[in-house]
Amino acid sequence: MTSPVPTIRPVTVVDPDSGSRRGSLRFAADGSVAIRPAGEPGSAGEMVYITPGWVDLHAHVFHGSTQLSVRPDRAGLETGVHLVADAGSAGQMTVRGLIDYVMPTSRTPIRIWLNIGSHGLVHLKETADPSFIDVDATIA
């Protein structure tokens, strides 16, 4: 029995250290992936760019808890972003929900910028009233 022919796609590798270079990305039947120099037979088709991991430093991924949050993988891996930083969707009173219920279901790694407003963005007026801010609890 012969194994299937590997899938070959043209790529441009973007490398901040050594510059960009063209090549072919080979997907073998055993699941392995390799980048070969340009010019390999069968490398015609749509160009793919391979870059270092992208980071979104201002996302709202406390999905299901705030009006303006999306699912983490929608802002992350589905768009080529390898790490998202949730920019204050959760405050000290709500951050456990983000950690316990959203982060475990995400394939995209998440970092959290804690909102100074104790409730976070649950009602979009996180600092409208000074009583919404508990500095000591946030620091703790």
N, C-alpha and C. Protein backbone atom coordinates (compact mmCIF):
# COMPACT_ATOMS: atom_id res chain seq x y z
N MET A 1 0.85 -1.17 0.00
CA MET A 1 0.00 0.00 0.00
C MET A 1 0.90 1.24 0.00
N THR A 2 0.62 2.17 -0.90
CA THR A 2 1.43 3.38 -0.97
C THR A 2 0.77 4.49 -0.17
N SER A 3 1.61 5.34 0.43
CA SER A 3 1.06 6.45 1.19
C SER A 3 0.67 7.58 0.24
N PRO A 4 -0.31 8.40 0.64
CA PRO A 4 -0.75 9.49 -0.22
C PRO A 4 0.40 10.48 -0.48
N VAL A 5 0.32 11.14 -1.63
CA VAL A 5 1.32 12.14 -1.98
C VAL A 5 1.17 13.32 -1.02
N PRO A 6 2.29 13.86 -0.49
CA PRO A 6 2.18 14.99 0.43
C PRO A 6 1.57 16.21 -0.25
N THR A 7 0.86 17.01 0.53
CA THR A 7 0.32 18.26 0.04
C THR A 7 1.43 19.31 0.10
N ILE A 8 1.59 20.05 -0.99
CA ILE A 8 2.65 21.07 -1.05
C ILE A 8 2.00 22.42 -1.31
N ARG A 9 2.34 23.43 -0.50
CA ARG A 9 1.81 24.77 -0.68
C ARG A 9 2.95 25.77 -0.69
N PRO A 10 2.90 26.76 -1.57
CA PRO A 10 3.94 27.78 -1.56
C PRO A 10 3.77 28.68 -0.33
N VAL A 11 4.88 29.08 0.25
CA VAL A 11 4.84 29.94 1.44
C VAL A 11 5.91 31.02 1.34
N THR A 12 5.66 32.08 2.07
CA THR A 12 6.70 33.06 2.36
C THR A 12 6.89 33.04 3.86
N VAL A 13 8.09 32.72 4.30
CA VAL A 13 8.40 32.69 5.72
C VAL A 13 8.90 34.07 6.11
N VAL A 14 8.22 34.71 7.06
CA VAL A 14 8.62 36.03 7.53
C VAL A 14 9.40 35.82 8.81
N ASP A 15 10.71 36.06 8.76
CA ASP A 15 11.60 35.83 9.90
C ASP A 15 12.26 37.14 10.28
N PRO A 16 11.92 37.72 11.44
CA PRO A 16 12.49 39.01 11.83
C PRO A 16 14.02 38.98 11.95
N ASP A 17 14.59 37.82 12.23
CA ASP A 17 16.04 37.72 12.40
C ASP A 17 16.79 37.60 11.07
N SER A 18 16.28 36.79 10.15
CA SER A 18 17.03 36.54 8.92
C SER A 18 16.33 37.02 7.66
N GLY A 19 15.20 37.69 7.80
CA GLY A 19 14.49 38.20 6.64
C GLY A 19 13.49 37.20 6.08
N SER A 20 12.75 37.63 5.08
CA SER A 20 11.73 36.78 4.47
C SER A 20 12.36 35.91 3.39
N ARG A 21 11.78 34.73 3.21
CA ARG A 21 12.24 33.83 2.15
C ARG A 21 11.07 33.00 1.66
N ARG A 22 11.11 32.63 0.42
CA ARG A 22 10.06 31.79 -0.17
C ARG A 22 10.44 30.33 -0.05
N GLY A 23 9.42 29.51 0.01
CA GLY A 23 9.66 28.08 0.09
C GLY A 23 8.37 27.33 -0.15
N SER A 24 8.41 26.05 0.15
CA SER A 24 7.24 25.18 0.02
C SER A 24 6.96 24.53 1.36
N LEU A 25 5.71 24.56 1.76
CA LEU A 25 5.29 23.92 3.00
C LEU A 25 4.73 22.56 2.62
N ARG A 26 5.32 21.50 3.17
CA ARG A 26 4.91 20.14 2.84
C ARG A 26 4.15 19.53 4.02
N PHE A 27 2.94 19.08 3.76
CA PHE A 27 2.14 18.36 4.75
C PHE A 27 2.19 16.89 4.35
N ALA A 28 2.88 16.07 5.10
CA ALA A 28 3.03 14.66 4.78
C ALA A 28 1.88 13.84 5.36
N ALA A 29 1.71 12.64 4.86
CA ALA A 29 0.63 11.75 5.30
C ALA A 29 0.73 11.42 6.78
N ASP A 30 1.95 11.41 7.34
CA ASP A 30 2.11 11.07 8.75
C ASP A 30 1.85 12.25 9.69
N GLY A 31 1.45 13.40 9.12
CA GLY A 31 1.14 14.57 9.92
C GLY A 31 2.31 15.52 10.11
N SER A 32 3.48 15.15 9.63
CA SER A 32 4.63 16.04 9.78
C SER A 32 4.55 17.19 8.78
N VAL A 33 5.20 18.29 9.13
CA VAL A 33 5.22 19.48 8.29
C VAL A 33 6.66 19.92 8.14
N ALA A 34 7.04 20.31 6.93
CA ALA A 34 8.41 20.79 6.69
C ALA A 34 8.36 21.94 5.71
N ILE A 35 9.32 22.84 5.83
CA ILE A 35 9.47 23.93 4.88
C ILE A 35 10.70 23.63 4.04
N ARG A 36 10.52 23.63 2.73
CA ARG A 36 11.60 23.33 1.79
C ARG A 36 11.91 24.59 0.98
N PRO A 37 13.10 24.69 0.42
CA PRO A 37 13.45 25.85 -0.42
C PRO A 37 12.49 25.99 -1.59
N ALA A 38 12.37 27.20 -2.10
CA ALA A 38 11.49 27.47 -3.24
C ALA A 38 11.93 26.68 -4.46
N GLY A 39 10.99 26.45 -5.35
CA GLY A 39 11.29 25.79 -6.61
C GLY A 39 10.99 24.31 -6.61
N GLU A 40 10.50 23.76 -5.54
CA GLU A 40 10.17 22.35 -5.49
C GLU A 40 8.97 22.07 -6.39
N PRO A 41 8.96 20.98 -7.13
CA PRO A 41 7.83 20.67 -8.02
C PRO A 41 6.51 20.60 -7.25
N GLY A 42 5.46 21.05 -7.89
CA GLY A 42 4.13 20.96 -7.31
C GLY A 42 3.82 22.09 -6.35
N SER A 43 4.60 23.17 -6.38
CA SER A 43 4.39 24.24 -5.40
C SER A 43 3.57 25.40 -5.94
N ALA A 44 2.83 25.19 -7.02
CA ALA A 44 1.98 26.26 -7.55
C ALA A 44 0.71 26.36 -6.72
N GLY A 45 0.14 27.53 -6.69
CA GLY A 45 -1.12 27.71 -5.98
C GLY A 45 -1.09 28.96 -5.12
N GLU A 46 -2.07 29.06 -4.24
CA GLU A 46 -2.21 30.22 -3.38
C GLU A 46 -1.03 30.35 -2.42
N MET A 47 -0.52 31.57 -2.28
CA MET A 47 0.62 31.82 -1.38
C MET A 47 0.13 31.91 0.06
N VAL A 48 0.85 31.29 0.97
CA VAL A 48 0.59 31.34 2.40
C VAL A 48 1.77 32.03 3.07
N TYR A 49 1.51 32.87 4.06
CA TYR A 49 2.58 33.52 4.80
C TYR A 49 2.71 32.89 6.17
N ILE A 50 3.95 32.54 6.52
CA ILE A 50 4.23 31.98 7.84
C ILE A 50 5.02 33.03 8.59
N THR A 51 4.52 33.43 9.75
CA THR A 51 5.15 34.49 10.53
C THR A 51 5.29 34.03 11.98
N PRO A 52 6.06 34.77 12.77
CA PRO A 52 6.04 34.50 14.21
C PRO A 52 4.63 34.71 14.73
N GLY A 53 4.33 34.18 15.90
CA GLY A 53 2.98 34.28 16.46
C GLY A 53 2.51 35.71 16.64
N TRP A 54 1.25 35.97 16.29
CA TRP A 54 0.65 37.30 16.44
C TRP A 54 0.02 37.40 17.82
N VAL A 55 0.03 38.60 18.39
CA VAL A 55 -0.55 38.87 19.71
C VAL A 55 -1.53 40.03 19.57
N ASP A 56 -2.72 39.86 20.12
CA ASP A 56 -3.70 40.95 20.18
C ASP A 56 -3.69 41.47 21.61
N LEU A 57 -3.17 42.67 21.82
CA LEU A 57 -3.02 43.23 23.16
C LEU A 57 -4.28 43.92 23.67
N HIS A 58 -5.33 44.01 22.85
CA HIS A 58 -6.57 44.65 23.31
C HIS A 58 -7.76 43.92 22.71
N ALA A 59 -8.16 42.87 23.39
CA ALA A 59 -9.34 42.11 22.97
C ALA A 59 -10.30 42.06 24.16
N HIS A 60 -11.54 41.72 23.89
CA HIS A 60 -12.53 41.50 24.95
C HIS A 60 -13.11 40.11 24.70
N VAL A 61 -12.69 39.15 25.53
CA VAL A 61 -13.05 37.76 25.30
C VAL A 61 -13.77 37.12 26.49
N PHE A 62 -14.37 37.93 27.35
CA PHE A 62 -15.16 37.40 28.47
C PHE A 62 -16.55 37.09 27.92
N HIS A 63 -16.57 36.19 26.94
CA HIS A 63 -17.78 35.87 26.18
C HIS A 63 -18.91 35.41 27.10
N GLY A 64 -20.09 35.95 26.86
CA GLY A 64 -21.27 35.58 27.64
C GLY A 64 -21.44 36.40 28.90
N SER A 65 -20.49 37.27 29.20
CA SER A 65 -20.57 38.05 30.43
C SER A 65 -20.56 39.55 30.21
N THR A 66 -20.08 40.00 29.07
CA THR A 66 -20.10 41.43 28.78
C THR A 66 -20.72 41.65 27.40
N GLN A 67 -21.21 42.86 27.18
CA GLN A 67 -21.90 43.17 25.92
C GLN A 67 -20.97 43.22 24.73
N LEU A 68 -19.70 43.44 24.96
CA LEU A 68 -18.80 43.64 23.82
C LEU A 68 -17.72 42.59 23.70
N SER A 69 -17.90 41.45 24.32
CA SER A 69 -16.90 40.38 24.23
C SER A 69 -17.28 39.35 23.17
N VAL A 70 -16.24 38.72 22.62
CA VAL A 70 -16.42 37.65 21.65
C VAL A 70 -15.74 36.39 22.18
N ARG A 71 -16.01 35.27 21.54
CA ARG A 71 -15.32 34.03 21.93
C ARG A 71 -13.82 34.19 21.69
N PRO A 72 -12.98 33.71 22.61
CA PRO A 72 -11.54 33.90 22.48
C PRO A 72 -10.95 33.38 21.17
N ASP A 73 -11.40 32.23 20.70
CA ASP A 73 -10.84 31.69 19.47
C ASP A 73 -11.27 32.49 18.24
N ARG A 74 -12.40 33.19 18.33
CA ARG A 74 -12.85 34.06 17.23
C ARG A 74 -11.89 35.23 17.09
N ALA A 75 -11.44 35.79 18.20
CA ALA A 75 -10.47 36.89 18.17
C ALA A 75 -9.05 36.35 18.03
N GLY A 76 -8.86 35.06 18.32
CA GLY A 76 -7.53 34.47 18.36
C GLY A 76 -7.22 33.59 17.17
N LEU A 77 -7.13 32.30 17.41
CA LEU A 77 -6.63 31.37 16.41
C LEU A 77 -7.39 31.39 15.09
N GLU A 78 -8.68 31.66 15.12
CA GLU A 78 -9.45 31.70 13.87
C GLU A 78 -9.02 32.84 12.96
N THR A 79 -8.33 33.84 13.51
CA THR A 79 -7.86 34.97 12.70
C THR A 79 -6.33 35.01 12.62
N GLY A 80 -5.67 33.95 13.08
CA GLY A 80 -4.22 33.90 13.00
C GLY A 80 -3.50 34.50 14.20
N VAL A 81 -4.24 34.88 15.22
CA VAL A 81 -3.65 35.45 16.44
C VAL A 81 -3.39 34.32 17.41
N HIS A 82 -2.17 34.26 17.94
CA HIS A 82 -1.77 33.15 18.80
C HIS A 82 -1.90 33.42 20.29
N LEU A 83 -2.15 34.66 20.69
CA LEU A 83 -2.33 35.03 22.09
C LEU A 83 -3.19 36.27 22.14
N VAL A 84 -4.21 36.28 23.01
CA VAL A 84 -5.02 37.48 23.20
C VAL A 84 -4.87 37.96 24.63
N ALA A 85 -4.86 39.28 24.78
CA ALA A 85 -4.89 39.89 26.11
C ALA A 85 -6.26 40.52 26.27
N ASP A 86 -7.03 40.00 27.22
CA ASP A 86 -8.33 40.59 27.49
C ASP A 86 -8.09 41.93 28.19
N ALA A 87 -8.59 42.99 27.59
CA ALA A 87 -8.28 44.35 28.03
C ALA A 87 -9.32 44.89 29.00
N GLY A 88 -9.45 44.26 30.15
CA GLY A 88 -10.29 44.81 31.20
C GLY A 88 -11.74 44.40 31.19
N SER A 89 -12.07 43.31 30.54
CA SER A 89 -13.46 42.85 30.57
C SER A 89 -13.88 42.46 31.98
N ALA A 90 -12.92 41.96 32.76
CA ALA A 90 -13.22 41.51 34.12
C ALA A 90 -12.51 42.39 35.14
N GLY A 91 -13.21 42.62 36.24
CA GLY A 91 -12.62 43.28 37.41
C GLY A 91 -12.40 42.26 38.50
N GLN A 92 -11.97 42.71 39.66
CA GLN A 92 -11.64 41.76 40.74
C GLN A 92 -12.84 40.93 41.19
N MET A 93 -14.06 41.44 41.01
CA MET A 93 -15.25 40.68 41.42
C MET A 93 -15.69 39.66 40.37
N THR A 94 -15.24 39.80 39.13
CA THR A 94 -15.72 38.93 38.06
C THR A 94 -14.62 38.12 37.39
N VAL A 95 -13.37 38.34 37.74
CA VAL A 95 -12.26 37.70 37.05
C VAL A 95 -12.26 36.17 37.19
N ARG A 96 -12.78 35.65 38.29
CA ARG A 96 -12.84 34.19 38.46
C ARG A 96 -13.69 33.56 37.36
N GLY A 97 -14.74 34.23 36.93
CA GLY A 97 -15.57 33.70 35.84
C GLY A 97 -14.79 33.58 34.55
N LEU A 98 -13.98 34.58 34.25
CA LEU A 98 -13.14 34.54 33.05
C LEU A 98 -12.11 33.41 33.16
N ILE A 99 -11.50 33.29 34.32
CA ILE A 99 -10.47 32.26 34.54
C ILE A 99 -11.08 30.86 34.56
N ASP A 100 -12.19 30.69 35.26
CA ASP A 100 -12.76 29.35 35.46
C ASP A 100 -13.62 28.85 34.31
N TYR A 101 -14.29 29.76 33.58
CA TYR A 101 -15.27 29.32 32.58
C TYR A 101 -14.90 29.63 31.14
N VAL A 102 -14.17 30.69 30.90
CA VAL A 102 -13.82 31.06 29.53
C VAL A 102 -12.46 30.50 29.14
N MET A 103 -11.47 30.72 29.96
CA MET A 103 -10.11 30.29 29.60
C MET A 103 -9.99 28.78 29.35
N PRO A 104 -10.62 27.92 30.15
CA PRO A 104 -10.47 26.47 29.90
C PRO A 104 -11.10 25.99 28.59
N THR A 105 -12.02 26.76 28.03
CA THR A 105 -12.68 26.34 26.79
C THR A 105 -12.00 26.91 25.55
N SER A 106 -10.97 27.72 25.73
CA SER A 106 -10.30 28.39 24.62
C SER A 106 -9.04 27.65 24.20
N ARG A 107 -8.87 27.48 22.89
CA ARG A 107 -7.60 26.96 22.38
C ARG A 107 -6.55 28.07 22.34
N THR A 108 -7.01 29.32 22.22
CA THR A 108 -6.12 30.47 22.19
C THR A 108 -5.71 30.84 23.60
N PRO A 109 -4.41 30.95 23.89
CA PRO A 109 -3.98 31.40 25.22
C PRO A 109 -4.48 32.83 25.48
N ILE A 110 -4.85 33.09 26.74
CA ILE A 110 -5.40 34.39 27.14
C ILE A 110 -4.58 34.94 28.30
N ARG A 111 -4.27 36.22 28.23
CA ARG A 111 -3.71 36.97 29.36
C ARG A 111 -4.75 38.00 29.73
N ILE A 112 -4.75 38.42 30.98
CA ILE A 112 -5.81 39.30 31.47
C ILE A 112 -5.24 40.63 31.97
N TRP A 113 -5.80 41.73 31.46
CA TRP A 113 -5.58 43.05 32.02
C TRP A 113 -6.77 43.28 32.94
N LEU A 114 -6.54 43.34 34.23
CA LEU A 114 -7.63 43.48 35.20
C LEU A 114 -8.17 44.91 35.19
N ASN A 115 -9.48 45.04 35.10
CA ASN A 115 -10.13 46.35 35.12
C ASN A 115 -10.12 46.90 36.53
N ILE A 116 -9.82 48.18 36.70
CA ILE A 116 -9.85 48.82 38.01
C ILE A 116 -11.28 48.86 38.57
N GLY A 117 -12.27 48.87 37.68
CA GLY A 117 -13.67 48.79 38.13
C GLY A 117 -13.95 47.36 38.58
N SER A 118 -14.42 47.20 39.78
CA SER A 118 -14.58 45.87 40.38
C SER A 118 -15.43 44.91 39.56
N HIS A 119 -16.43 45.43 38.84
CA HIS A 119 -17.31 44.57 38.03
C HIS A 119 -16.76 44.32 36.64
N GLY A 120 -15.75 45.07 36.24
CA GLY A 120 -15.27 44.97 34.86
C GLY A 120 -16.25 45.64 33.92
N LEU A 121 -16.40 45.11 32.74
CA LEU A 121 -17.26 45.72 31.72
C LEU A 121 -18.66 45.11 31.68
N VAL A 122 -19.10 44.52 32.78
CA VAL A 122 -20.41 43.88 32.81
C VAL A 122 -21.51 44.86 32.45
N HIS A 123 -21.43 46.10 32.90
CA HIS A 123 -22.47 47.08 32.58
C HIS A 123 -21.93 48.30 31.85
N LEU A 124 -20.71 48.26 31.38
CA LEU A 124 -20.07 49.30 30.57
C LEU A 124 -19.97 50.66 31.26
N LYS A 125 -20.18 50.70 32.56
CA LYS A 125 -19.98 51.93 33.34
C LYS A 125 -19.08 51.57 34.52
N GLU A 126 -17.98 50.88 34.18
CA GLU A 126 -17.16 50.26 35.22
C GLU A 126 -16.56 51.23 36.22
N THR A 127 -16.39 52.50 35.84
CA THR A 127 -15.83 53.47 36.78
C THR A 127 -16.70 54.72 36.89
N ALA A 128 -17.97 54.63 36.50
CA ALA A 128 -18.86 55.79 36.53
C ALA A 128 -19.11 56.28 37.94
N ASP A 129 -19.04 55.40 38.89
CA ASP A 129 -19.27 55.74 40.30
C ASP A 129 -18.06 55.26 41.09
N PRO A 130 -17.45 56.13 41.90
CA PRO A 130 -16.26 55.72 42.65
C PRO A 130 -16.48 54.48 43.54
N SER A 131 -17.73 54.21 43.90
CA SER A 131 -17.99 53.04 44.74
C SER A 131 -17.79 51.73 43.95
N PHE A 132 -17.70 51.83 42.63
CA PHE A 132 -17.44 50.63 41.80
C PHE A 132 -15.97 50.23 41.84
N ILE A 133 -15.13 51.05 42.46
CA ILE A 133 -13.68 50.79 42.47
C ILE A 133 -13.24 50.45 43.89
N ASP A 134 -12.66 49.29 44.04
CA ASP A 134 -12.08 48.87 45.33
C ASP A 134 -10.61 48.58 45.08
N VAL A 135 -9.79 49.61 45.27
CA VAL A 135 -8.37 49.51 44.97
C VAL A 135 -7.70 48.40 45.77
N ASP A 136 -7.98 48.32 47.06
CA ASP A 136 -7.34 47.30 47.89
C ASP A 136 -7.68 45.89 47.43
N ALA A 137 -8.96 45.64 47.11
CA ALA A 137 -9.37 44.30 46.63
C ALA A 137 -8.74 44.01 45.26
N THR A 138 -8.62 45.01 44.41
CA THR A 138 -8.02 44.80 43.10
C THR A 138 -6.55 44.45 43.25
N ILE A 139 -5.84 45.14 44.12
CA ILE A 139 -4.42 44.84 44.34
C ILE A 139 -4.25 43.45 44.93
N ALA A 140 -5.13 43.10 45.87
CA ALA A 140 -5.04 41.75 46.49
C ALA A 140 -5.29 40.68 45.46
